[in-house]
Structure formats: C-alpha cells, structure tokens
C-alpha cells in the first residue's frame, strides 16, 4: 500500500462549488481504510452531479493508494441524503 496522508478535491466553476477531503482511518477490524472526511456542495449547485464527482475522485485516490475500502459517515442533521 502506498503511503499517502490525504488529499483535498475541489470543484471549481469560477468559484468553489464543492469539495471533498480524503484520508485514512483505522477500521474496527484493525485494517486501515480510506475515509471521506468532508463532502460539501454549494446549495445552489445541488443535483448537478458535483457530489458524485467528488466521491469518484476520492475513490480513485483510494484505489491508487491501494485501499480496498472507503468510508463515509453522515450525521442525523444531513436531511439532503437518503432516509433510512
């Protein structure tokens, strides 16, 4: 596995309209996983595929670094995500 400490991905349309951070985190099993720490899209740019592009960028980063899993956690206050 390549040692990469983390990355920041930015969606720029003349102004920043989205970003994601990628790093690593220890899984409960003891293995180290890739981890999406932050993921945000400007409210007026929702439904344009920017979040999907940010996730794809972090997945590519993780794959190149040799990680087999990537984690993303959301909070209860994230009402724009799917309800479970």
PDB file of N, CA and C in Angstrom:
ATOM      1  N   UNK A   1       0.849  -1.168   0.000  1.00  0.00           N
ATOM      2  CA  UNK A   1       0.000   0.000   0.000  1.00  0.00           C
ATOM      3  C   UNK A   1       0.896   1.233   0.000  1.00  0.00           C
ATOM      4  N   UNK A   2       0.604   2.190  -0.844  1.00  0.00           N
ATOM      5  CA  UNK A   2       1.342   3.437  -0.918  1.00  0.00           C
ATOM      6  C   UNK A   2       0.977   4.307   0.277  1.00  0.00           C
ATOM      7  N   UNK A   3       1.961   4.979   0.833  1.00  0.00           N
ATOM      8  CA  UNK A   3       1.701   5.866   1.964  1.00  0.00           C
ATOM      9  C   UNK A   3       1.333   7.255   1.446  1.00  0.00           C
ATOM     10  N   UNK A   4       0.057   7.584   1.538  1.00  0.00           N
ATOM     11  CA  UNK A   4      -0.437   8.892   1.142  1.00  0.00           C
ATOM     12  C   UNK A   4      -1.244   9.418   2.309  1.00  0.00           C
ATOM     13  N   UNK A   5      -0.889  10.608   2.798  1.00  0.00           N
ATOM     14  CA  UNK A   5      -1.546  11.082   4.010  1.00  0.00           C
ATOM     15  C   UNK A   5      -2.949  11.621   3.773  1.00  0.00           C
ATOM     16  N   UNK A   6      -3.210  12.198   2.623  1.00  0.00           N
ATOM     17  CA  UNK A   6      -4.548  12.715   2.375  1.00  0.00           C
ATOM     18  C   UNK A   6      -4.560  13.649   1.187  1.00  0.00           C
ATOM     19  N   UNK A   7      -5.756  13.997   0.764  1.00  0.00           N
ATOM     20  CA  UNK A   7      -5.933  14.885  -0.377  1.00  0.00           C
ATOM     21  C   UNK A   7      -7.195  15.706  -0.199  1.00  0.00           C
ATOM     22  N   UNK A   8      -7.232  16.827  -0.891  1.00  0.00           N
ATOM     23  CA  UNK A   8      -8.423  17.664  -0.954  1.00  0.00           C
ATOM     24  C   UNK A   8      -8.791  17.794  -2.429  1.00  0.00           C
ATOM     25  N   UNK A   9     -10.056  17.572  -2.730  1.00  0.00           N
ATOM     26  CA  UNK A   9     -10.553  17.689  -4.100  1.00  0.00           C
ATOM     27  C   UNK A   9     -11.532  18.857  -4.140  1.00  0.00           C
ATOM     28  N   UNK A  10     -11.404  19.715  -5.156  1.00  0.00           N
ATOM     29  CA  UNK A  10     -12.213  20.921  -5.248  1.00  0.00           C
ATOM     30  C   UNK A  10     -12.905  20.973  -6.602  1.00  0.00           C
ATOM     31  N   UNK A  11     -14.195  21.265  -6.593  1.00  0.00           N
ATOM     32  CA  UNK A  11     -14.957  21.504  -7.823  1.00  0.00           C
ATOM     33  C   UNK A  11     -15.015  23.012  -8.020  1.00  0.00           C
ATOM     34  N   UNK A  12     -14.497  23.467  -9.139  1.00  0.00           N
ATOM     35  CA  UNK A  12     -14.359  24.890  -9.401  1.00  0.00           C
ATOM     36  C   UNK A  12     -15.087  25.247 -10.697  1.00  0.00           C
ATOM     37  N   UNK A  13     -16.037  26.161 -10.592  1.00  0.00           N
ATOM     38  CA  UNK A  13     -16.760  26.664 -11.765  1.00  0.00           C
ATOM     39  C   UNK A  13     -16.621  28.186 -11.783  1.00  0.00           C
ATOM     40  N   UNK A  14     -15.380  28.657 -11.647  1.00  0.00           N
ATOM     41  CA  UNK A  14     -15.133  30.086 -11.492  1.00  0.00           C
ATOM     42  C   UNK A  14     -15.127  30.484 -10.025  1.00  0.00           C
ATOM     43  N   UNK A  15     -15.873  29.743  -9.235  1.00  0.00           N
ATOM     44  CA  UNK A  15     -15.877  29.826  -7.768  1.00  0.00           C
ATOM     45  C   UNK A  15     -15.944  28.382  -7.267  1.00  0.00           C
ATOM     46  N   UNK A  16     -15.556  28.174  -6.034  1.00  0.00           N
ATOM     47  CA  UNK A  16     -15.613  26.817  -5.481  1.00  0.00           C
ATOM     48  C   UNK A  16     -17.071  26.431  -5.256  1.00  0.00           C
ATOM     49  N   UNK A  17     -17.484  25.319  -5.869  1.00  0.00           N
ATOM     50  CA  UNK A  17     -18.872  24.858  -5.740  1.00  0.00           C
ATOM     51  C   UNK A  17     -18.971  23.525  -5.000  1.00  0.00           C
ATOM     52  N   UNK A  18     -17.834  22.922  -4.673  1.00  0.00           N
ATOM     53  CA  UNK A  18     -17.845  21.680  -3.919  1.00  0.00           C
ATOM     54  C   UNK A  18     -16.437  21.281  -3.521  1.00  0.00           C
ATOM     55  N   UNK A  19     -16.353  20.464  -2.486  1.00  0.00           N
ATOM     56  CA  UNK A  19     -15.048  19.931  -2.097  1.00  0.00           C
ATOM     57  C   UNK A  19     -15.231  18.631  -1.328  1.00  0.00           C
ATOM     58  N   UNK A  20     -14.156  17.870  -1.299  1.00  0.00           N
ATOM     59  CA  UNK A  20     -14.116  16.632  -0.513  1.00  0.00           C
ATOM     60  C   UNK A  20     -12.707  16.469   0.025  1.00  0.00           C
ATOM     61  N   UNK A  21     -12.597  15.916   1.216  1.00  0.00           N
ATOM     62  CA  UNK A  21     -11.289  15.573   1.762  1.00  0.00           C
ATOM     63  C   UNK A  21     -11.192  14.060   1.873  1.00  0.00           C
ATOM     64  N   UNK A  22     -10.018  13.546   1.627  1.00  0.00           N
ATOM     65  CA  UNK A  22      -9.787  12.106   1.708  1.00  0.00           C
ATOM     66  C   UNK A  22      -8.572  11.854   2.582  1.00  0.00           C
ATOM     67  N   UNK A  23      -8.673  10.861   3.406  1.00  0.00           N
ATOM     68  CA  UNK A  23      -7.577  10.479   4.282  1.00  0.00           C
ATOM     69  C   UNK A  23      -7.711   9.019   4.640  1.00  0.00           C
ATOM     70  N   UNK A  24      -7.160   8.649   5.768  1.00  0.00           N
ATOM     71  CA  UNK A  24      -7.254   7.265   6.215  1.00  0.00           C
ATOM     72  C   UNK A  24      -7.798   7.219   7.635  1.00  0.00           C
ATOM     73  N   UNK A  25      -8.313   6.051   7.956  1.00  0.00           N
ATOM     74  CA  UNK A  25      -8.911   5.852   9.273  1.00  0.00           C
ATOM     75  C   UNK A  25      -8.813   4.368   9.614  1.00  0.00           C
ATOM     76  N   UNK A  26      -8.525   4.073  10.856  1.00  0.00           N
ATOM     77  CA  UNK A  26      -8.435   2.678  11.284  1.00  0.00           C
ATOM     78  C   UNK A  26      -9.825   2.085  11.442  1.00  0.00           C
ATOM     79  N   UNK A  27     -10.058   0.977  10.771  1.00  0.00           N
ATOM     80  CA  UNK A  27     -11.322   0.243  10.821  1.00  0.00           C
ATOM     81  C   UNK A  27     -11.365  -0.556  12.116  1.00  0.00           C
ATOM     82  N   UNK A  28     -12.548  -0.893  12.593  1.00  0.00           N
ATOM     83  CA  UNK A  28     -12.662  -1.672  13.831  1.00  0.00           C
ATOM     84  C   UNK A  28     -11.938  -3.003  13.751  1.00  0.00           C
ATOM     85  N   UNK A  29     -11.723  -3.497  12.540  1.00  0.00           N
ATOM     86  CA  UNK A  29     -11.015  -4.766  12.358  1.00  0.00           C
ATOM     87  C   UNK A  29      -9.509  -4.613  12.535  1.00  0.00           C
ATOM     88  N   UNK A  30      -9.038  -3.373  12.605  1.00  0.00           N
ATOM     89  CA  UNK A  30      -7.610  -3.114  12.715  1.00  0.00           C
ATOM     90  C   UNK A  30      -6.977  -2.700  11.391  1.00  0.00           C
ATOM     91  N   UNK A  31      -7.673  -2.944  10.284  1.00  0.00           N
ATOM     92  CA  UNK A  31      -7.155  -2.525   8.984  1.00  0.00           C
ATOM     93  C   UNK A  31      -7.355  -1.022   8.812  1.00  0.00           C
ATOM     94  N   UNK A  32      -6.555  -0.447   7.929  1.00  0.00           N
ATOM     95  CA  UNK A  32      -6.682   0.980   7.638  1.00  0.00           C
ATOM     96  C   UNK A  32      -7.486   1.137   6.360  1.00  0.00           C
ATOM     97  N   UNK A  33      -8.510   1.978   6.418  1.00  0.00           N
ATOM     98  CA  UNK A  33      -9.380   2.248   5.272  1.00  0.00           C
ATOM     99  C   UNK A  33      -9.168   3.672   4.791  1.00  0.00           C
ATOM    100  N   UNK A  34      -9.501   3.910   3.541  1.00  0.00           N
ATOM    101  CA  UNK A  34      -9.620   5.274   3.054  1.00  0.00           C
ATOM    102  C   UNK A  34     -10.888   5.854   3.667  1.00  0.00           C
ATOM    103  N   UNK A  35     -10.920   7.157   3.813  1.00  0.00           N
ATOM    104  CA  UNK A  35     -12.025   7.794   4.522  1.00  0.00           C
ATOM    105  C   UNK A  35     -12.328   9.147   3.891  1.00  0.00           C
ATOM    106  N   UNK A  36     -13.593   9.406   3.597  1.00  0.00           N
ATOM    107  CA  UNK A  36     -14.019  10.729   3.146  1.00  0.00           C
ATOM    108  C   UNK A  36     -14.389  11.503   4.401  1.00  0.00           C
ATOM    109  N   UNK A  37     -13.581  12.510   4.731  1.00  0.00           N
ATOM    110  CA  UNK A  37     -13.801  13.260   5.963  1.00  0.00           C
ATOM    111  C   UNK A  37     -14.834  14.354   5.817  1.00  0.00           C
ATOM    112  N   UNK A  38     -14.788  15.050   4.717  1.00  0.00           N
ATOM    113  CA  UNK A  38     -15.720  16.147   4.446  1.00  0.00           C
ATOM    114  C   UNK A  38     -16.207  15.999   3.017  1.00  0.00           C
ATOM    115  N   UNK A  39     -17.455  16.334   2.791  1.00  0.00           N
ATOM    116  CA  UNK A  39     -18.027  16.322   1.449  1.00  0.00           C
ATOM    117  C   UNK A  39     -19.102  17.397   1.432  1.00  0.00           C
ATOM    118  N   UNK A  40     -18.911  18.411   0.606  1.00  0.00           N
ATOM    119  CA  UNK A  40     -19.864  19.518   0.587  1.00  0.00           C
ATOM    120  C   UNK A  40     -20.041  20.044  -0.833  1.00  0.00           C
ATOM    121  N   UNK A  41     -21.263  20.466  -1.132  1.00  0.00           N
ATOM    122  CA  UNK A  41     -21.605  21.065  -2.422  1.00  0.00           C
ATOM    123  C   UNK A  41     -22.418  22.319  -2.129  1.00  0.00           C
ATOM    124  N   UNK A  42     -22.136  23.389  -2.853  1.00  0.00           N
ATOM    125  CA  UNK A  42     -22.888  24.629  -2.684  1.00  0.00           C
ATOM    126  C   UNK A  42     -24.373  24.370  -2.928  1.00  0.00           C
ATOM    127  N   UNK A  43     -25.204  24.952  -2.086  1.00  0.00           N
ATOM    128  CA  UNK A  43     -26.646  24.683  -2.145  1.00  0.00           C
ATOM    129  C   UNK A  43     -27.242  24.973  -3.520  1.00  0.00           C
ATOM    130  N   UNK A  44     -26.783  26.026  -4.183  1.00  0.00           N
ATOM    131  CA  UNK A  44     -27.337  26.364  -5.495  1.00  0.00           C
ATOM    132  C   UNK A  44     -26.789  25.488  -6.622  1.00  0.00           C
ATOM    133  N   UNK A  45     -25.930  24.531  -6.264  1.00  0.00           N
ATOM    134  CA  UNK A  45     -25.359  23.620  -7.267  1.00  0.00           C
ATOM    135  C   UNK A  45     -25.757  22.166  -7.039  1.00  0.00           C
ATOM    136  N   UNK A  46     -26.683  21.936  -6.115  1.00  0.00           N
ATOM    137  CA  UNK A  46     -27.136  20.575  -5.843  1.00  0.00           C
ATOM    138  C   UNK A  46     -27.801  19.984  -7.079  1.00  0.00           C
ATOM    139  N   UNK A  47     -27.769  18.705  -7.208  1.00  0.00           N
ATOM    140  CA  UNK A  47     -28.361  17.904  -8.292  1.00  0.00           C
ATOM    141  C   UNK A  47     -27.645  18.065  -9.628  1.00  0.00           C
ATOM    142  N   UNK A  48     -26.422  18.573  -9.617  1.00  0.00           N
ATOM    143  CA  UNK A  48     -25.643  18.717 -10.849  1.00  0.00           C
ATOM    144  C   UNK A  48     -24.561  17.651 -10.987  1.00  0.00           C
ATOM    145  N   UNK A  49     -24.503  16.715 -10.045  1.00  0.00           N
ATOM    146  CA  UNK A  49     -23.506  15.650 -10.111  1.00  0.00           C
ATOM    147  C   UNK A  49     -22.166  16.008  -9.492  1.00  0.00           C
ATOM    148  N   UNK A  50     -22.097  17.144  -8.813  1.00  0.00           N
ATOM    149  CA  UNK A  50     -20.830  17.572  -8.218  1.00  0.00           C
ATOM    150  C   UNK A  50     -20.431  16.657  -7.069  1.00  0.00           C
ATOM    151  N   UNK A  51     -21.367  16.319  -6.194  1.00  0.00           N
ATOM    152  CA  UNK A  51     -21.067  15.402  -5.089  1.00  0.00           C
ATOM    153  C   UNK A  51     -20.617  14.050  -5.617  1.00  0.00           C
ATOM    154  N   UNK A  52     -21.285  13.570  -6.640  1.00  0.00           N
ATOM    155  CA  UNK A  52     -20.919  12.291  -7.253  1.00  0.00           C
ATOM    156  C   UNK A  52     -19.487  12.356  -7.802  1.00  0.00           C
ATOM    157  N   UNK A  53     -19.121  13.479  -8.420  1.00  0.00           N
ATOM    158  CA  UNK A  53     -17.767  13.650  -8.948  1.00  0.00           C
ATOM    159  C   UNK A  53     -16.737  13.705  -7.824  1.00  0.00           C
ATOM    160  N   UNK A  54     -17.098  14.331  -6.706  1.00  0.00           N
ATOM    161  CA  UNK A  54     -16.180  14.397  -5.565  1.00  0.00           C
ATOM    162  C   UNK A  54     -15.946  13.009  -4.976  1.00  0.00           C
ATOM    163  N   UNK A  55     -17.015  12.212  -4.858  1.00  0.00           N
ATOM    164  CA  UNK A  55     -16.877  10.843  -4.357  1.00  0.00           C
ATOM    165  C   UNK A  55     -16.028  10.013  -5.331  1.00  0.00           C
ATOM    166  N   UNK A  56     -16.254  10.174  -6.623  1.00  0.00           N
ATOM    167  CA  UNK A  56     -15.471   9.438  -7.620  1.00  0.00           C
ATOM    168  C   UNK A  56     -13.990   9.797  -7.519  1.00  0.00           C
ATOM    169  N   UNK A  57     -13.681  11.060  -7.285  1.00  0.00           N
ATOM    170  CA  UNK A  57     -12.280  11.481  -7.145  1.00  0.00           C
ATOM    171  C   UNK A  57     -11.635  10.836  -5.925  1.00  0.00           C
ATOM    172  N   UNK A  58     -12.380  10.768  -4.811  1.00  0.00           N
ATOM    173  CA  UNK A  58     -11.813  10.141  -3.617  1.00  0.00           C
ATOM    174  C   UNK A  58     -11.673   8.631  -3.806  1.00  0.00           C
ATOM    175  N   UNK A  59     -12.593   8.007  -4.528  1.00  0.00           N
ATOM    176  CA  UNK A  59     -12.471   6.576  -4.815  1.00  0.00           C
ATOM    177  C   UNK A  59     -11.224   6.298  -5.660  1.00  0.00           C
ATOM    178  N   UNK A  60     -10.971   7.136  -6.651  1.00  0.00           N
ATOM    179  CA  UNK A  60      -9.783   6.982  -7.486  1.00  0.00           C
ATOM    180  C   UNK A  60      -8.522   7.146  -6.646  1.00  0.00           C
ATOM    181  N   UNK A  61      -8.506   8.152  -5.785  1.00  0.00           N
ATOM    182  CA  UNK A  61      -7.380   8.375  -4.883  1.00  0.00           C
ATOM    183  C   UNK A  61      -7.125   7.128  -4.024  1.00  0.00           C
ATOM    184  N   UNK A  62      -8.198   6.584  -3.440  1.00  0.00           N
ATOM    185  CA  UNK A  62      -8.079   5.412  -2.573  1.00  0.00           C
ATOM    186  C   UNK A  62      -7.565   4.199  -3.339  1.00  0.00           C
ATOM    187  N   UNK A  63      -8.104   3.990  -4.521  1.00  0.00           N
ATOM    188  CA  UNK A  63      -7.695   2.849  -5.341  1.00  0.00           C
ATOM    189  C   UNK A  63      -6.213   2.942  -5.682  1.00  0.00           C
ATOM    190  N   UNK A  64      -5.758   4.117  -6.112  1.00  0.00           N
ATOM    191  CA  UNK A  64      -4.348   4.318  -6.464  1.00  0.00           C
ATOM    192  C   UNK A  64      -3.430   4.116  -5.265  1.00  0.00           C
ATOM    193  N   UNK A  65      -3.939   4.446  -4.071  1.00  0.00           N
ATOM    194  CA  UNK A  65      -3.156   4.280  -2.847  1.00  0.00           C
ATOM    195  C   UNK A  65      -3.175   2.844  -2.333  1.00  0.00           C
ATOM    196  N   UNK A  66      -4.002   1.976  -2.945  1.00  0.00           N
ATOM    197  CA  UNK A  66      -4.021   0.569  -2.572  1.00  0.00           C
ATOM    198  C   UNK A  66      -5.046   0.185  -1.519  1.00  0.00           C
ATOM    199  N   UNK A  67      -5.987   1.080  -1.220  1.00  0.00           N
ATOM    200  CA  UNK A  67      -7.012   0.757  -0.225  1.00  0.00           C
ATOM    201  C   UNK A  67      -8.157  -0.004  -0.881  1.00  0.00           C
ATOM    202  N   UNK A  68      -8.682  -0.993  -0.164  1.00  0.00           N
ATOM    203  CA  UNK A  68      -9.774  -1.797  -0.724  1.00  0.00           C
ATOM    204  C   UNK A  68     -11.149  -1.312  -0.257  1.00  0.00           C
ATOM    205  N   UNK A  69     -11.180  -0.431   0.757  1.00  0.00           N
ATOM    206  CA  UNK A  69     -12.450   0.103   1.255  1.00  0.00           C
ATOM    207  C   UNK A  69     -12.327   1.609   1.433  1.00  0.00           C
ATOM    208  N   UNK A  70     -13.466   2.271   1.272  1.00  0.00           N
ATOM    209  CA  UNK A  70     -13.530   3.697   1.576  1.00  0.00           C
ATOM    210  C   UNK A  70     -14.775   3.929   2.421  1.00  0.00           C
ATOM    211  N   UNK A  71     -14.647   4.768   3.446  1.00  0.00           N
ATOM    212  CA  UNK A  71     -15.750   5.013   4.367  1.00  0.00           C
ATOM    213  C   UNK A  71     -16.221   6.455   4.256  1.00  0.00           C
ATOM    214  N   UNK A  72     -17.509   6.646   4.485  1.00  0.00           N
ATOM    215  CA  UNK A  72     -18.126   7.964   4.569  1.00  0.00           C
ATOM    216  C   UNK A  72     -19.225   7.865   5.602  1.00  0.00           C
ATOM    217  N   UNK A  73     -19.204   8.764   6.557  1.00  0.00           N
ATOM    218  CA  UNK A  73     -20.252   8.789   7.576  1.00  0.00           C
ATOM    219  C   UNK A  73     -21.039  10.078   7.430  1.00  0.00           C
ATOM    220  N   UNK A  74     -22.323  10.015   7.713  1.00  0.00           N
ATOM    221  CA  UNK A  74     -23.159  11.218   7.698  1.00  0.00           C
ATOM    222  C   UNK A  74     -23.828  11.372   9.053  1.00  0.00           C
ATOM    223  N   UNK A  75     -24.250  12.569   9.341  1.00  0.00           N
ATOM    224  CA  UNK A  75     -24.913  12.846  10.603  1.00  0.00           C
ATOM    225  C   UNK A  75     -26.423  12.884  10.438  1.00  0.00           C
ATOM    226  N   UNK A  76     -27.119  12.836  11.551  1.00  0.00           N
ATOM    227  CA  UNK A  76     -28.581  12.863  11.548  1.00  0.00           C
ATOM    228  C   UNK A  76     -29.137  14.152  10.961  1.00  0.00           C
ATOM    229  N   UNK A  77     -28.352  15.238  11.032  1.00  0.00           N
ATOM    230  CA  UNK A  77     -28.799  16.526  10.518  1.00  0.00           C
ATOM    231  C   UNK A  77     -28.669  16.658   9.004  1.00  0.00           C
ATOM    232  N   UNK A  78     -28.134  15.643   8.341  1.00  0.00           N
ATOM    233  CA  UNK A  78     -27.959  15.688   6.888  1.00  0.00           C
ATOM    234  C   UNK A  78     -29.254  15.225   6.228  1.00  0.00           C
ATOM    235  N   UNK A  79     -30.205  16.146   6.087  1.00  0.00           N
ATOM    236  CA  UNK A  79     -31.505  15.763   5.556  1.00  0.00           C
ATOM    237  C   UNK A  79     -31.545  15.729   4.026  1.00  0.00           C
ATOM    238  N   UNK A  80     -30.439  16.084   3.354  1.00  0.00           N
ATOM    239  CA  UNK A  80     -30.437  16.011   1.904  1.00  0.00           C
ATOM    240  C   UNK A  80     -30.047  14.618   1.394  1.00  0.00           C
ATOM    241  N   UNK A  81     -29.564  13.782   2.306  1.00  0.00           N
ATOM    242  CA  UNK A  81     -29.217  12.417   1.942  1.00  0.00           C
ATOM    243  C   UNK A  81     -30.435  11.511   2.050  1.00  0.00           C
ATOM    244  N   UNK A  82     -30.297  10.283   1.612  1.00  0.00           N
ATOM    245  CA  UNK A  82     -31.434   9.350   1.689  1.00  0.00           C
ATOM    246  C   UNK A  82     -31.785   9.025   3.131  1.00  0.00           C
ATOM    247  N   UNK A  83     -33.041   8.820   3.380  1.00  0.00           N
ATOM    248  CA  UNK A  83     -33.505   8.447   4.730  1.00  0.00           C
ATOM    249  C   UNK A  83     -33.439   6.936   4.887  1.00  0.00           C
ATOM    250  N   UNK A  84     -33.073   6.497   6.072  1.00  0.00           N
ATOM    251  CA  UNK A  84     -33.008   5.048   6.343  1.00  0.00           C
ATOM    252  C   UNK A  84     -34.019   4.680   7.390  1.00  0.00           C
TER     253      UNK A  84
END
